[in-house]
Amino acid sequence: MLKSLLTPLKTRFEEAVSLRSNDTPDAVPESPEDFERDARAETMRMVVQSINAVEDDTARIDLLGEASRLMLIDPATKDVFREMDGFLVLISFLSTSAFLPNSVI
């Protein structure tokens, strides 16, 4: 009795899966510009993560400089910086910085 109830569901599920697999478009080759944009976005992600991981303030300043350089080259990396909570990372760094108040960062 249960078999007769479950069989229609199984058939519909199999049809839905087969339709999804047939609708996938062929892979479009990625243009060099798209690849470069994706590489910059990934670099920005790594920079923001590294700022948290690095203990040395000088290294953090270098990483922040790299993030700034990426933002100047490609404004789309600003969105990645926001998504990764880069502003909070920056404020955290500034609040815990070991530099003296009169030193220039």
PDB file of N, CA and C in Angstrom:
ATOM      1  N   MET A   1       0.813  -1.186   0.000  1.00  0.00           N
ATOM      2  CA  MET A   1       0.000   0.000   0.000  1.00  0.00           C
ATOM      3  C   MET A   1       0.869   1.268   0.000  1.00  0.00           C
ATOM      4  N   LEU A   2       1.905   1.291   0.803  1.00  0.00           N
ATOM      5  CA  LEU A   2       2.787   2.451   0.836  1.00  0.00           C
ATOM      6  C   LEU A   2       3.510   2.631  -0.490  1.00  0.00           C
ATOM      7  N   LYS A   3       3.817   1.513  -1.131  1.00  0.00           N
ATOM      8  CA  LYS A   3       4.523   1.594  -2.404  1.00  0.00           C
ATOM      9  C   LYS A   3       3.697   2.346  -3.440  1.00  0.00           C
ATOM     10  N   SER A   4       2.405   2.113  -3.465  1.00  0.00           N
ATOM     11  CA  SER A   4       1.550   2.801  -4.435  1.00  0.00           C
ATOM     12  C   SER A   4       1.434   4.292  -4.118  1.00  0.00           C
ATOM     13  N   LEU A   5       1.577   4.672  -2.849  1.00  0.00           N
ATOM     14  CA  LEU A   5       1.523   6.083  -2.486  1.00  0.00           C
ATOM     15  C   LEU A   5       2.822   6.811  -2.827  1.00  0.00           C
ATOM     16  N   LEU A   6       3.955   6.139  -2.658  1.00  0.00           N
ATOM     17  CA  LEU A   6       5.247   6.774  -2.860  1.00  0.00           C
ATOM     18  C   LEU A   6       5.703   6.777  -4.316  1.00  0.00           C
ATOM     19  N   THR A   7       5.214   5.891  -5.121  1.00  0.00           N
ATOM     20  CA  THR A   7       5.652   5.788  -6.506  1.00  0.00           C
ATOM     21  C   THR A   7       5.420   7.071  -7.302  1.00  0.00           C
ATOM     22  N   PRO A   8       4.258   7.734  -7.218  1.00  0.00           N
ATOM     23  CA  PRO A   8       4.090   8.980  -7.979  1.00  0.00           C
ATOM     24  C   PRO A   8       5.083  10.070  -7.547  1.00  0.00           C
ATOM     25  N   LEU A   9       5.387  10.138  -6.256  1.00  0.00           N
ATOM     26  CA  LEU A   9       6.353  11.127  -5.787  1.00  0.00           C
ATOM     27  C   LEU A   9       7.739  10.832  -6.330  1.00  0.00           C
ATOM     28  N   LYS A  10       8.094   9.572  -6.340  1.00  0.00           N
ATOM     29  CA  LYS A  10       9.411   9.179  -6.835  1.00  0.00           C
ATOM     30  C   LYS A  10       9.544   9.529  -8.316  1.00  0.00           C
ATOM     31  N   THR A  11       8.525   9.285  -9.087  1.00  0.00           N
ATOM     32  CA  THR A  11       8.563   9.570 -10.511  1.00  0.00           C
ATOM     33  C   THR A  11       8.694  11.073 -10.759  1.00  0.00           C
ATOM     34  N   ARG A  12       7.951  11.865 -10.038  1.00  0.00           N
ATOM     35  CA  ARG A  12       8.033  13.317 -10.217  1.00  0.00           C
ATOM     36  C   ARG A  12       9.414  13.839  -9.825  1.00  0.00           C
ATOM     37  N   PHE A  13       9.970  13.290  -8.751  1.00  0.00           N
ATOM     38  CA  PHE A  13      11.301  13.710  -8.325  1.00  0.00           C
ATOM     39  C   PHE A  13      12.336  13.369  -9.394  1.00  0.00           C
ATOM     40  N   GLU A  14      12.266  12.191  -9.962  1.00  0.00           N
ATOM     41  CA  GLU A  14      13.211  11.788 -11.006  1.00  0.00           C
ATOM     42  C   GLU A  14      13.071  12.675 -12.238  1.00  0.00           C
ATOM     43  N   GLU A  15      11.843  13.048 -12.586  1.00  0.00           N
ATOM     44  CA  GLU A  15      11.628  13.934 -13.729  1.00  0.00           C
ATOM     45  C   GLU A  15      12.224  15.317 -13.465  1.00  0.00           C
ATOM     46  N   ALA A  16      12.040  15.817 -12.257  1.00  0.00           N
ATOM     47  CA  ALA A  16      12.574  17.141 -11.924  1.00  0.00           C
ATOM     48  C   ALA A  16      14.097  17.138 -11.971  1.00  0.00           C
ATOM     49  N   VAL A  17      14.711  16.080 -11.481  1.00  0.00           N
ATOM     50  CA  VAL A  17      16.170  15.983 -11.503  1.00  0.00           C
ATOM     51  C   VAL A  17      16.676  15.894 -12.933  1.00  0.00           C
ATOM     52  N   SER A  18      16.004  15.115 -13.777  1.00  0.00           N
ATOM     53  CA  SER A  18      16.448  14.984 -15.163  1.00  0.00           C
ATOM     54  C   SER A  18      16.267  16.296 -15.928  1.00  0.00           C
ATOM     55  N   LEU A  19      15.214  17.053 -15.622  1.00  0.00           N
ATOM     56  CA  LEU A  19      15.022  18.346 -16.272  1.00  0.00           C
ATOM     57  C   LEU A  19      16.108  19.335 -15.860  1.00  0.00           C
ATOM     58  N   ARG A  20      16.496  19.335 -14.582  1.00  0.00           N
ATOM     59  CA  ARG A  20      17.545  20.244 -14.119  1.00  0.00           C
ATOM     60  C   ARG A  20      18.880  19.931 -14.772  1.00  0.00           C
ATOM     61  N   SER A  21      19.188  18.665 -14.937  1.00  0.00           N
ATOM     62  CA  SER A  21      20.477  18.305 -15.520  1.00  0.00           C
ATOM     63  C   SER A  21      20.525  18.626 -17.015  1.00  0.00           C
ATOM     64  N   ASN A  22      19.385  18.612 -17.696  1.00  0.00           N
ATOM     65  CA  ASN A  22      19.355  18.921 -19.121  1.00  0.00           C
ATOM     66  C   ASN A  22      19.362  20.423 -19.398  1.00  0.00           C
ATOM     67  N   ASP A  23      18.935  21.235 -18.429  1.00  0.00           N
ATOM     68  CA  ASP A  23      18.846  22.677 -18.637  1.00  0.00           C
ATOM     69  C   ASP A  23      20.159  23.412 -18.411  1.00  0.00           C
ATOM     70  N   THR A  24      21.176  22.738 -17.947  1.00  0.00           N
ATOM     71  CA  THR A  24      22.435  23.437 -17.675  1.00  0.00           C
ATOM     72  C   THR A  24      23.066  23.875 -18.987  1.00  0.00           C
ATOM     73  N   PRO A  25      23.376  25.164 -19.108  1.00  0.00           N
ATOM     74  CA  PRO A  25      23.994  25.651 -20.345  1.00  0.00           C
ATOM     75  C   PRO A  25      25.453  25.219 -20.425  1.00  0.00           C
ATOM     76  N   ASP A  26      25.958  25.241 -21.637  1.00  0.00           N
ATOM     77  CA  ASP A  26      27.363  24.899 -21.823  1.00  0.00           C
ATOM     78  C   ASP A  26      28.224  25.960 -21.159  1.00  0.00           C
ATOM     79  N   ALA A  27      29.365  25.532 -20.687  1.00  0.00           N
ATOM     80  CA  ALA A  27      30.271  26.459 -20.011  1.00  0.00           C
ATOM     81  C   ALA A  27      30.776  27.507 -21.000  1.00  0.00           C
ATOM     82  N   VAL A  28      30.610  28.763 -20.622  1.00  0.00           N
ATOM     83  CA  VAL A  28      31.068  29.866 -21.456  1.00  0.00           C
ATOM     84  C   VAL A  28      32.504  30.169 -21.058  1.00  0.00           C
ATOM     85  N   PRO A  29      33.398  30.218 -22.023  1.00  0.00           N
ATOM     86  CA  PRO A  29      34.779  30.525 -21.664  1.00  0.00           C
ATOM     87  C   PRO A  29      34.871  31.901 -21.020  1.00  0.00           C
ATOM     88  N   GLU A  30      35.653  31.960 -19.954  1.00  0.00           N
ATOM     89  CA  GLU A  30      35.788  33.202 -19.201  1.00  0.00           C
ATOM     90  C   GLU A  30      36.739  34.148 -19.921  1.00  0.00           C
ATOM     91  N   SER A  31      36.337  35.394 -20.012  1.00  0.00           N
ATOM     92  CA  SER A  31      37.192  36.377 -20.674  1.00  0.00           C
ATOM     93  C   SER A  31      38.343  36.753 -19.742  1.00  0.00           C
ATOM     94  N   PRO A  32      39.445  37.244 -20.290  1.00  0.00           N
ATOM     95  CA  PRO A  32      40.580  37.649 -19.448  1.00  0.00           C
ATOM     96  C   PRO A  32      40.208  38.752 -18.454  1.00  0.00           C
ATOM     97  N   GLU A  33      39.296  39.641 -18.836  1.00  0.00           N
ATOM     98  CA  GLU A  33      38.879  40.707 -17.934  1.00  0.00           C
ATOM     99  C   GLU A  33      38.134  40.143 -16.733  1.00  0.00           C
ATOM    100  N   ASP A  34      37.256  39.149 -16.977  1.00  0.00           N
ATOM    101  CA  ASP A  34      36.533  38.514 -15.877  1.00  0.00           C
ATOM    102  C   ASP A  34      37.492  37.788 -14.949  1.00  0.00           C
ATOM    103  N   PHE A  35      38.457  37.111 -15.532  1.00  0.00           N
ATOM    104  CA  PHE A  35      39.439  36.390 -14.727  1.00  0.00           C
ATOM    105  C   PHE A  35      40.232  37.357 -13.855  1.00  0.00           C
ATOM    106  N   GLU A  36      40.634  38.477 -14.433  1.00  0.00           N
ATOM    107  CA  GLU A  36      41.413  39.475 -13.690  1.00  0.00           C
ATOM    108  C   GLU A  36      40.583  40.083 -12.557  1.00  0.00           C
ATOM    109  N   ARG A  37      39.308  40.357 -12.827  1.00  0.00           N
ATOM    110  CA  ARG A  37      38.420  40.912 -11.803  1.00  0.00           C
ATOM    111  C   ARG A  37      38.236  39.922 -10.661  1.00  0.00           C
ATOM    112  N   ASP A  38      38.033  38.647 -11.009  1.00  0.00           N
ATOM    113  CA  ASP A  38      37.874  37.621  -9.985  1.00  0.00           C
ATOM    114  C   ASP A  38      39.148  37.445  -9.169  1.00  0.00           C
ATOM    115  N   ALA A  39      40.293  37.544  -9.827  1.00  0.00           N
ATOM    116  CA  ALA A  39      41.571  37.415  -9.118  1.00  0.00           C
ATOM    117  C   ALA A  39      41.758  38.570  -8.140  1.00  0.00           C
ATOM    118  N   ARG A  40      41.384  39.770  -8.544  1.00  0.00           N
ATOM    119  CA  ARG A  40      41.491  40.918  -7.631  1.00  0.00           C
ATOM    120  C   ARG A  40      40.546  40.768  -6.448  1.00  0.00           C
ATOM    121  N   ALA A  41      39.336  40.285  -6.702  1.00  0.00           N
ATOM    122  CA  ALA A  41      38.379  40.082  -5.612  1.00  0.00           C
ATOM    123  C   ALA A  41      38.903  39.039  -4.630  1.00  0.00           C
ATOM    124  N   GLU A  42      39.466  37.966  -5.147  1.00  0.00           N
ATOM    125  CA  GLU A  42      40.025  36.929  -4.276  1.00  0.00           C
ATOM    126  C   GLU A  42      41.227  37.463  -3.503  1.00  0.00           C
ATOM    127  N   THR A  43      42.040  38.283  -4.139  1.00  0.00           N
ATOM    128  CA  THR A  43      43.177  38.894  -3.447  1.00  0.00           C
ATOM    129  C   THR A  43      42.686  39.782  -2.316  1.00  0.00           C
ATOM    130  N   MET A  44      41.623  40.537  -2.552  1.00  0.00           N
ATOM    131  CA  MET A  44      41.071  41.396  -1.501  1.00  0.00           C
ATOM    132  C   MET A  44      40.568  40.556  -0.334  1.00  0.00           C
ATOM    133  N   ARG A  45      39.922  39.430  -0.622  1.00  0.00           N
ATOM    134  CA  ARG A  45      39.461  38.546   0.452  1.00  0.00           C
ATOM    135  C   ARG A  45      40.640  38.058   1.291  1.00  0.00           C
ATOM    136  N   MET A  46      41.693  37.647   0.612  1.00  0.00           N
ATOM    137  CA  MET A  46      42.865  37.142   1.323  1.00  0.00           C
ATOM    138  C   MET A  46      43.527  38.241   2.141  1.00  0.00           C
ATOM    139  N   VAL A  47      43.572  39.464   1.621  1.00  0.00           N
ATOM    140  CA  VAL A  47      44.191  40.580   2.345  1.00  0.00           C
ATOM    141  C   VAL A  47      43.423  40.868   3.630  1.00  0.00           C
ATOM    142  N   VAL A  48      42.099  40.938   3.545  1.00  0.00           N
ATOM    143  CA  VAL A  48      41.296  41.246   4.733  1.00  0.00           C
ATOM    144  C   VAL A  48      41.430  40.135   5.773  1.00  0.00           C
ATOM    145  N   GLN A  49      41.440  38.883   5.336  1.00  0.00           N
ATOM    146  CA  GLN A  49      41.629  37.776   6.273  1.00  0.00           C
ATOM    147  C   GLN A  49      43.015  37.809   6.892  1.00  0.00           C
ATOM    148  N   SER A  50      44.006  38.180   6.114  1.00  0.00           N
ATOM    149  CA  SER A  50      45.382  38.218   6.608  1.00  0.00           C
ATOM    150  C   SER A  50      45.584  39.328   7.628  1.00  0.00           C
ATOM    151  N   ILE A  51      44.866  40.424   7.484  1.00  0.00           N
ATOM    152  CA  ILE A  51      45.003  41.521   8.447  1.00  0.00           C
ATOM    153  C   ILE A  51      44.650  41.036   9.847  1.00  0.00           C
ATOM    154  N   ASN A  52      43.636  40.195   9.953  1.00  0.00           N
ATOM    155  CA  ASN A  52      43.264  39.643  11.258  1.00  0.00           C
ATOM    156  C   ASN A  52      44.289  38.644  11.767  1.00  0.00           C
ATOM    157  N   ALA A  53      44.877  37.881  10.871  1.00  0.00           N
ATOM    158  CA  ALA A  53      45.780  36.803  11.275  1.00  0.00           C
ATOM    159  C   ALA A  53      47.169  37.298  11.659  1.00  0.00           C
ATOM    160  N   VAL A  54      47.612  38.388  11.070  1.00  0.00           N
ATOM    161  CA  VAL A  54      48.971  38.879  11.292  1.00  0.00           C
ATOM    162  C   VAL A  54      49.027  39.633  12.620  1.00  0.00           C
ATOM    163  N   GLU A  55      50.077  39.385  13.388  1.00  0.00           N
ATOM    164  CA  GLU A  55      50.245  40.053  14.677  1.00  0.00           C
ATOM    165  C   GLU A  55      51.081  41.324  14.571  1.00  0.00           C
ATOM    166  N   ASP A  56      51.952  41.400  13.596  1.00  0.00           N
ATOM    167  CA  ASP A  56      52.875  42.522  13.451  1.00  0.00           C
ATOM    168  C   ASP A  56      52.152  43.729  12.852  1.00  0.00           C
ATOM    169  N   ASP A  57      52.235  44.869  13.529  1.00  0.00           N
ATOM    170  CA  ASP A  57      51.551  46.074  13.052  1.00  0.00           C
ATOM    171  C   ASP A  57      52.101  46.564  11.718  1.00  0.00           C
ATOM    172  N   THR A  58      53.395  46.414  11.512  1.00  0.00           N
ATOM    173  CA  THR A  58      53.985  46.845  10.242  1.00  0.00           C
ATOM    174  C   THR A  58      53.436  46.014   9.080  1.00  0.00           C
ATOM    175  N   ALA A  59      53.288  44.709   9.304  1.00  0.00           N
ATOM    176  CA  ALA A  59      52.717  43.845   8.269  1.00  0.00           C
ATOM    177  C   ALA A  59      51.257  44.211   8.008  1.00  0.00           C
ATOM    178  N   ARG A  60      50.535  44.562   9.056  1.00  0.00           N
ATOM    179  CA  ARG A  60      49.137  44.978   8.876  1.00  0.00           C
ATOM    180  C   ARG A  60      49.049  46.251   8.039  1.00  0.00           C
ATOM    181  N   ILE A  61      49.957  47.185   8.297  1.00  0.00           N
ATOM    182  CA  ILE A  61      49.962  48.425   7.510  1.00  0.00           C
ATOM    183  C   ILE A  61      50.251  48.118   6.046  1.00  0.00           C
ATOM    184  N   ASP A  62      51.177  47.197   5.794  1.00  0.00           N
ATOM    185  CA  ASP A  62      51.470  46.801   4.412  1.00  0.00           C
ATOM    186  C   ASP A  62      50.240  46.185   3.751  1.00  0.00           C
ATOM    187  N   LEU A  63      49.522  45.341   4.499  1.00  0.00           N
ATOM    188  CA  LEU A  63      48.316  44.716   3.952  1.00  0.00           C
ATOM    189  C   LEU A  63      47.222  45.756   3.695  1.00  0.00           C
ATOM    190  N   LEU A  64      47.088  46.720   4.582  1.00  0.00           N
ATOM    191  CA  LEU A  64      46.112  47.791   4.353  1.00  0.00           C
ATOM    192  C   LEU A  64      46.488  48.621   3.133  1.00  0.00           C
ATOM    193  N   GLY A  65      47.781  48.815   2.923  1.00  0.00           N
ATOM    194  CA  GLY A  65      48.233  49.508   1.714  1.00  0.00           C
ATOM    195  C   GLY A  65      47.888  48.722   0.461  1.00  0.00           C
ATOM    196  N   GLU A  66      48.028  47.401   0.543  1.00  0.00           N
ATOM    197  CA  GLU A  66      47.661  46.541  -0.589  1.00  0.00           C
ATOM    198  C   GLU A  66      46.156  46.630  -0.865  1.00  0.00           C
ATOM    199  N   ALA A  67      45.347  46.637   0.201  1.00  0.00           N
ATOM    200  CA  ALA A  67      43.896  46.771   0.029  1.00  0.00           C
ATOM    201  C   ALA A  67      43.557  48.112  -0.618  1.00  0.00           C
ATOM    202  N   SER A  68      44.224  49.158  -0.187  1.00  0.00           N
ATOM    203  CA  SER A  68      43.996  50.485  -0.770  1.00  0.00           C
ATOM    204  C   SER A  68      44.377  50.505  -2.246  1.00  0.00           C
ATOM    205  N   ARG A  69      45.494  49.876  -2.577  1.00  0.00           N
ATOM    206  CA  ARG A  69      45.945  49.818  -3.972  1.00  0.00           C
ATOM    207  C   ARG A  69      44.928  49.072  -4.831  1.00  0.00           C
ATOM    208  N   LEU A  70      44.402  47.955  -4.312  1.00  0.00           N
ATOM    209  CA  LEU A  70      43.404  47.190  -5.063  1.00  0.00           C
ATOM    210  C   LEU A  70      42.133  48.008  -5.287  1.00  0.00           C
ATOM    211  N   MET A  71      41.736  48.787  -4.282  1.00  0.00           N
ATOM    212  CA  MET A  71      40.535  49.616  -4.430  1.00  0.00           C
ATOM    213  C   MET A  71      40.733  50.713  -5.468  1.00  0.00           C
ATOM    214  N   LEU A  72      41.943  51.238  -5.563  1.00  0.00           N
ATOM    215  CA  LEU A  72      42.211  52.268  -6.569  1.00  0.00           C
ATOM    216  C   LEU A  72      42.236  51.686  -7.979  1.00  0.00           C
ATOM    217  N   ILE A  73      42.749  50.466  -8.116  1.00  0.00           N
ATOM    218  CA  ILE A  73      42.825  49.821  -9.430  1.00  0.00           C
ATOM    219  C   ILE A  73      41.442  49.407  -9.919  1.00  0.00           C
ATOM    220  N   ASP A  74      40.682  48.759  -9.023  1.00  0.00           N
ATOM    221  CA  ASP A  74      39.376  48.223  -9.410  1.00  0.00           C
ATOM    222  C   ASP A  74      38.347  48.574  -8.335  1.00  0.00           C
ATOM    223  N   PRO A  75      37.471  49.532  -8.594  1.00  0.00           N
ATOM    224  CA  PRO A  75      36.481  49.930  -7.584  1.00  0.00           C
ATOM    225  C   PRO A  75      35.547  48.795  -7.149  1.00  0.00           C
ATOM    226  N   ALA A  76      35.421  47.744  -7.944  1.00  0.00           N
ATOM    227  CA  ALA A  76      34.559  46.620  -7.561  1.00  0.00           C
ATOM    228  C   ALA A  76      35.092  45.897  -6.327  1.00  0.00           C
ATOM    229  N   THR A  77      36.382  46.042  -6.039  1.00  0.00           N
ATOM    230  CA  THR A  77      36.940  45.386  -4.850  1.00  0.00           C
ATOM    231  C   THR A  77      36.464  46.057  -3.566  1.00  0.00           C
ATOM    232  N   LYS A  78      35.904  47.256  -3.671  1.00  0.00           N
ATOM    233  CA  LYS A  78      35.343  47.910  -2.485  1.00  0.00           C
ATOM    234  C   LYS A  78      34.174  47.101  -1.938  1.00  0.00           C
ATOM    235  N   ASP A  79      33.382  46.520  -2.839  1.00  0.00           N
ATOM    236  CA  ASP A  79      32.270  45.678  -2.398  1.00  0.00           C
ATOM    237  C   ASP A  79      32.778  44.456  -1.647  1.00  0.00           C
ATOM    238  N   VAL A  80      33.859  43.874  -2.128  1.00  0.00           N
ATOM    239  CA  VAL A  80      34.447  42.713  -1.451  1.00  0.00           C
ATOM    240  C   VAL A  80      34.946  43.128  -0.071  1.00  0.00           C
ATOM    241  N   PHE A  81      35.583  44.293   0.014  1.00  0.00           N
ATOM    242  CA  PHE A  81      36.071  44.815   1.291  1.00  0.00           C
ATOM    243  C   PHE A  81      34.909  44.971   2.271  1.00  0.00           C
ATOM    244  N   ARG A  82      33.776  45.475   1.777  1.00  0.00           N
ATOM    245  CA  ARG A  82      32.596  45.642   2.636  1.00  0.00           C
ATOM    246  C   ARG A  82      32.040  44.292   3.069  1.00  0.00           C
ATOM    247  N   GLU A  83      31.952  43.352   2.134  1.00  0.00           N
ATOM    248  CA  GLU A  83      31.412  42.031   2.449  1.00  0.00           C
ATOM    249  C   GLU A  83      32.250  41.302   3.490  1.00  0.00           C
ATOM    250  N   MET A  84      33.552  41.514   3.447  1.00  0.00           N
ATOM    251  CA  MET A  84      34.466  40.850   4.380  1.00  0.00           C
ATOM    252  C   MET A  84      34.599  41.626   5.694  1.00  0.00           C
ATOM    253  N   ASP A  85      33.767  42.628   5.899  1.00  0.00           N
ATOM    254  CA  ASP A  85      33.816  43.480   7.090  1.00  0.00           C
ATOM    255  C   ASP A  85      35.174  44.132   7.247  1.00  0.00           C
ATOM    256  N   GLY A  86      35.703  44.604   6.151  1.00  0.00           N
ATOM    257  CA  GLY A  86      37.010  45.244   6.153  1.00  0.00           C
ATOM    258  C   GLY A  86      37.051  46.500   6.997  1.00  0.00           C
ATOM    259  N   PHE A  87      35.935  47.231   7.051  1.00  0.00           N
ATOM    260  CA  PHE A  87      35.917  48.447   7.858  1.00  0.00           C
ATOM    261  C   PHE A  87      36.084  48.105   9.335  1.00  0.00           C
ATOM    262  N   LEU A  88      35.408  47.042   9.786  1.00  0.00           N
ATOM    263  CA  LEU A  88      35.557  46.614  11.177  1.00  0.00           C
ATOM    264  C   LEU A  88      36.975  46.148  11.461  1.00  0.00           C
ATOM    265  N   VAL A  89      37.580  45.472  10.499  1.00  0.00           N
ATOM    266  CA  VAL A  89      38.968  45.038  10.647  1.00  0.00           C
ATOM    267  C   VAL A  89      39.878  46.253  10.767  1.00  0.00           C
ATOM    268  N   LEU A  90      39.641  47.253   9.945  1.00  0.00           N
ATOM    269  CA  LEU A  90      40.442  48.477   9.982  1.00  0.00           C
ATOM    270  C   LEU A  90      40.296  49.191  11.327  1.00  0.00           C
ATOM    271  N   ILE A  91      39.075  49.350  11.801  1.00  0.00           N
ATOM    272  CA  ILE A  91      38.840  50.016  13.084  1.00  0.00           C
ATOM    273  C   ILE A  91      39.445  49.202  14.222  1.00  0.00           C
ATOM    274  N   SER A  92      39.326  47.896  14.162  1.00  0.00           N
ATOM    275  CA  SER A  92      39.935  47.037  15.182  1.00  0.00           C
ATOM    276  C   SER A  92      41.442  47.214  15.205  1.00  0.00           C
ATOM    277  N   PHE A  93      42.045  47.261  14.025  1.00  0.00           N
ATOM    278  CA  PHE A  93      43.494  47.465  13.951  1.00  0.00           C
ATOM    279  C   PHE A  93      43.883  48.812  14.541  1.00  0.00           C
ATOM    280  N   LEU A  94      43.150  49.845  14.182  1.00  0.00           N
ATOM    281  CA  LEU A  94      43.483  51.180  14.679  1.00  0.00           C
ATOM    282  C   LEU A  94      43.316  51.280  16.197  1.00  0.00           C
ATOM    283  N   SER A  95      42.319  50.586  16.733  1.00  0.00           N
ATOM    284  CA  SER A  95      42.089  50.667  18.176  1.00  0.00           C
ATOM    285  C   SER A  95      43.093  49.850  18.979  1.00  0.00           C
ATOM    286  N   THR A  96      43.671  48.821  18.380  1.00  0.00           N
ATOM    287  CA  THR A  96      44.621  47.972  19.105  1.00  0.00           C
ATOM    288  C   THR A  96      46.052  48.172  18.643  1.00  0.00           C
ATOM    289  N   SER A  97      46.285  49.169  17.849  1.00  0.00           N
ATOM    290  CA  SER A  97      47.615  49.406  17.309  1.00  0.00           C
ATOM    291  C   SER A  97      48.606  49.690  18.429  1.00  0.00           C
ATOM    292  N   ALA A  98      49.801  49.128  18.292  1.00  0.00           N
ATOM    293  CA  ALA A  98      50.851  49.306  19.292  1.00  0.00           C
ATOM    294  C   ALA A  98      51.653  50.574  19.049  1.00  0.00           C
ATOM    295  N   PHE A  99      51.348  51.295  17.984  1.00  0.00           N
ATOM    296  CA  PHE A  99      52.084  52.515  17.686  1.00  0.00           C
ATOM    297  C   PHE A  99      51.724  53.602  18.695  1.00  0.00           C
ATOM    298  N   LEU A 100      52.643  54.482  18.919  1.00  0.00           N
ATOM    299  CA  LEU A 100      52.396  55.612  19.807  1.00  0.00           C
ATOM    300  C   LEU A 100      51.408  56.568  19.146  1.00  0.00           C
ATOM    301  N   PRO A 101      50.650  57.325  19.940  1.00  0.00           N
ATOM    302  CA  PRO A 101      49.655  58.237  19.359  1.00  0.00           C
ATOM    303  C   PRO A 101      50.247  59.286  18.432  1.00  0.00           C
ATOM    304  N   ASN A 102      51.504  59.688  18.640  1.00  0.00           N
ATOM    305  CA  ASN A 102      52.074  60.722  17.789  1.00  0.00           C
ATOM    306  C   ASN A 102      52.749  60.173  16.542  1.00  0.00           C
ATOM    307  N   SER A 103      52.791  58.847  16.385  1.00  0.00           N
ATOM    308  CA  SER A 103      53.401  58.275  15.185  1.00  0.00           C
ATOM    309  C   SER A 103      52.412  58.312  14.028  1.00  0.00           C
ATOM    310  N   VAL A 104      52.943  58.385  12.840  1.00  0.00           N
ATOM    311  CA  VAL A 104      52.107  58.465  11.644  1.00  0.00           C
ATOM    312  C   VAL A 104      51.920  57.070  11.086  1.00  0.00           C
ATOM    313  N   ILE A 105      50.669  56.727  10.789  1.00  0.00           N
ATOM    314  CA  ILE A 105      50.371  55.401  10.240  1.00  0.00           C
ATOM    315  C   ILE A 105      50.228  55.523   8.758  1.00  0.00           C
TER     316      ILE A 105
END
